Amino acid sequence: MDNEKIERQIAFIIDQQAKFSVDIAKLEEGLDRIARNIDNNAQQIEHNSQNIDRNTRNIESNTQHILKLTDALVTLTNFAQKHEGEIAELRKQTKETDERLSALINVVENSIGRKN
């Protein structure tokens, strides 16, 4: 091999080495960017996990409140139905009392009317 050919081969090797160095630097930058994204994603996942845990506790608490409110509503509905029955019975008794009172008033008026 002559010197010129060796120098061209050395220049080619140096050029390839430089290109490889640039490519490796780009790959390292990409890997650094990916590593940062992974760290950011891990932090976001942790944050989301904490939010999910908090929301789960809130849902459980709200469910307990809803169950208590449902029980209270059922109790109130039962009381309302009981009172509706009692009110209907009182209306019936009042009507009967009114009828008897009217009959008594008629008897008294008739008695007073006969005496006059």
Protein backbone atom coordinates (compact mmCIF):
# COMPACT_ATOMS: atom_id res chain seq x y z
CA MET A 1 0.00 0.00 0.00
CA ASP A 2 1.21 3.41 -0.75
CA ASN A 3 1.09 6.29 1.70
CA GLU A 4 -1.71 8.10 -0.08
CA LYS A 5 -3.98 5.09 0.11
CA ILE A 6 -3.14 4.58 3.80
CA GLU A 7 -3.85 8.25 4.50
CA ARG A 8 -7.23 8.00 2.74
CA GLN A 9 -8.07 4.91 4.79
CA ILE A 10 -7.00 6.67 7.99
CA ALA A 11 -9.06 9.73 6.98
CA PHE A 12 -12.01 7.46 6.24
CA ILE A 13 -11.64 5.72 9.61
CA ILE A 14 -11.34 9.07 11.41
CA ASP A 15 -14.39 10.38 9.55
CA GLN A 16 -16.38 7.25 10.45
CA GLN A 17 -15.20 7.53 14.05
CA ALA A 18 -16.36 11.15 14.13
CA LYS A 19 -19.75 10.18 12.70
CA PHE A 20 -20.03 7.37 15.25
CA SER A 21 -19.15 9.82 18.01
CA VAL A 22 -21.87 12.22 16.82
CA ASP A 23 -24.37 9.36 16.54
CA ILE A 24 -23.46 8.09 20.02
CA ALA A 25 -23.82 11.61 21.43
CA LYS A 26 -27.27 11.87 19.82
CA LEU A 27 -28.23 8.47 21.21
CA GLU A 28 -27.03 9.50 24.68
CA GLU A 29 -29.11 12.69 24.46
CA GLY A 30 -32.11 10.63 23.41
CA LEU A 31 -31.53 8.21 26.27
CA ASP A 32 -31.24 11.11 28.72
CA ARG A 33 -34.51 12.54 27.39
CA ILE A 34 -36.18 9.12 27.70
CA ALA A 35 -34.84 8.74 31.25
CA ARG A 36 -36.24 12.17 32.18
CA ASN A 37 -39.60 11.23 30.63
CA ILE A 38 -39.61 7.99 32.60
CA ASP A 39 -38.87 9.89 35.83
CA ASN A 40 -41.60 12.43 35.05
CA ASN A 41 -44.04 9.64 34.22
CA ALA A 42 -43.15 7.81 37.42
CA GLN A 43 -43.82 10.97 39.43
CA GLN A 44 -47.10 11.51 37.59
CA ILE A 45 -48.10 7.90 38.20
CA GLU A 46 -47.35 8.32 41.92
CA HIS A 47 -49.39 11.52 41.99
CA ASN A 48 -52.26 9.82 40.13
CA SER A 49 -52.08 6.86 42.50
CA GLN A 50 -52.38 9.21 45.48
CA ASN A 51 -55.36 10.91 43.81
CA ILE A 52 -57.00 7.54 43.16
CA ASP A 53 -56.45 6.52 46.79
CA ARG A 54 -57.95 9.81 48.01
CA ASN A 55 -60.90 9.48 45.61
CA THR A 56 -61.47 5.89 46.72
CA ARG A 57 -61.60 7.00 50.36
CA ASN A 58 -64.01 9.79 49.42
CA ILE A 59 -66.23 7.37 47.51
CA GLU A 60 -66.27 4.97 50.45
CA SER A 61 -67.15 7.82 52.82
CA ASN A 62 -69.86 9.11 50.46
CA THR A 63 -71.26 5.59 50.13
CA GLN A 64 -71.56 5.36 53.91
CA HIS A 65 -73.31 8.73 54.00
CA ILE A 66 -75.69 7.68 51.24
CA LEU A 67 -76.52 4.47 53.11
CA LYS A 68 -77.28 6.47 56.27
CA LEU A 69 -79.41 8.91 54.29
CA THR A 70 -81.23 6.02 52.63
CA ASP A 71 -81.97 4.48 56.02
CA ALA A 72 -83.21 7.86 57.31
CA LEU A 73 -85.40 8.27 54.23
CA VAL A 74 -86.91 4.81 54.67
CA THR A 75 -87.59 5.59 58.34
CA LEU A 76 -89.21 8.91 57.44
CA THR A 77 -91.29 7.26 54.74
CA ASN A 78 -92.49 4.66 57.24
CA PHE A 79 -93.41 7.42 59.72
CA ALA A 80 -95.21 9.35 56.98
CA GLN A 81 -97.21 6.26 55.99
CA LYS A 82 -98.07 5.57 59.63
CA HIS A 83 -99.16 9.18 60.14
CA GLU A 84 -101.21 9.14 56.93
CA GLY A 85 -103.10 6.15 58.32
CA GLU A 86 -103.58 7.89 61.66
CA ILE A 87 -104.77 11.08 59.93
CA ALA A 88 -107.24 9.08 57.83
CA GLU A 89 -108.55 7.44 61.01
CA LEU A 90 -108.85 10.85 62.73
CA ARG A 91 -110.74 12.23 59.72
CA LYS A 92 -113.12 9.30 59.89
CA GLN A 93 -113.61 9.79 63.63
CA THR A 94 -114.07 13.54 63.14
CA LYS A 95 -116.68 12.91 60.47
CA GLU A 96 -118.50 10.48 62.74
CA THR A 97 -118.28 12.98 65.62
CA ASP A 98 -119.58 15.76 63.37
CA GLU A 99 -122.48 13.56 62.31
CA ARG A 100 -123.31 12.66 65.91
CA LEU A 101 -122.94 16.29 67.01
CA SER A 102 -125.23 17.39 64.18
CA ALA A 103 -127.77 14.76 65.23
CA LEU A 104 -127.54 15.97 68.84
CA ILE A 105 -127.96 19.59 67.75
CA ASN A 106 -131.05 18.57 65.75
CA VAL A 107 -132.49 16.77 68.77
CA VAL A 108 -131.80 19.77 71.02
CA GLU A 109 -133.22 22.20 68.48
CA ASN A 110 -136.30 20.02 68.03
CA SER A 111 -136.72 19.83 71.81
CA ILE A 112 -136.38 23.57 72.16
CA GLY A 113 -138.69 24.09 69.23
CA ARG A 114 -141.41 21.89 70.79
CA LYS A 115 -141.24 23.74 74.09
CA ASN A 116 -141.81 27.09 72.45
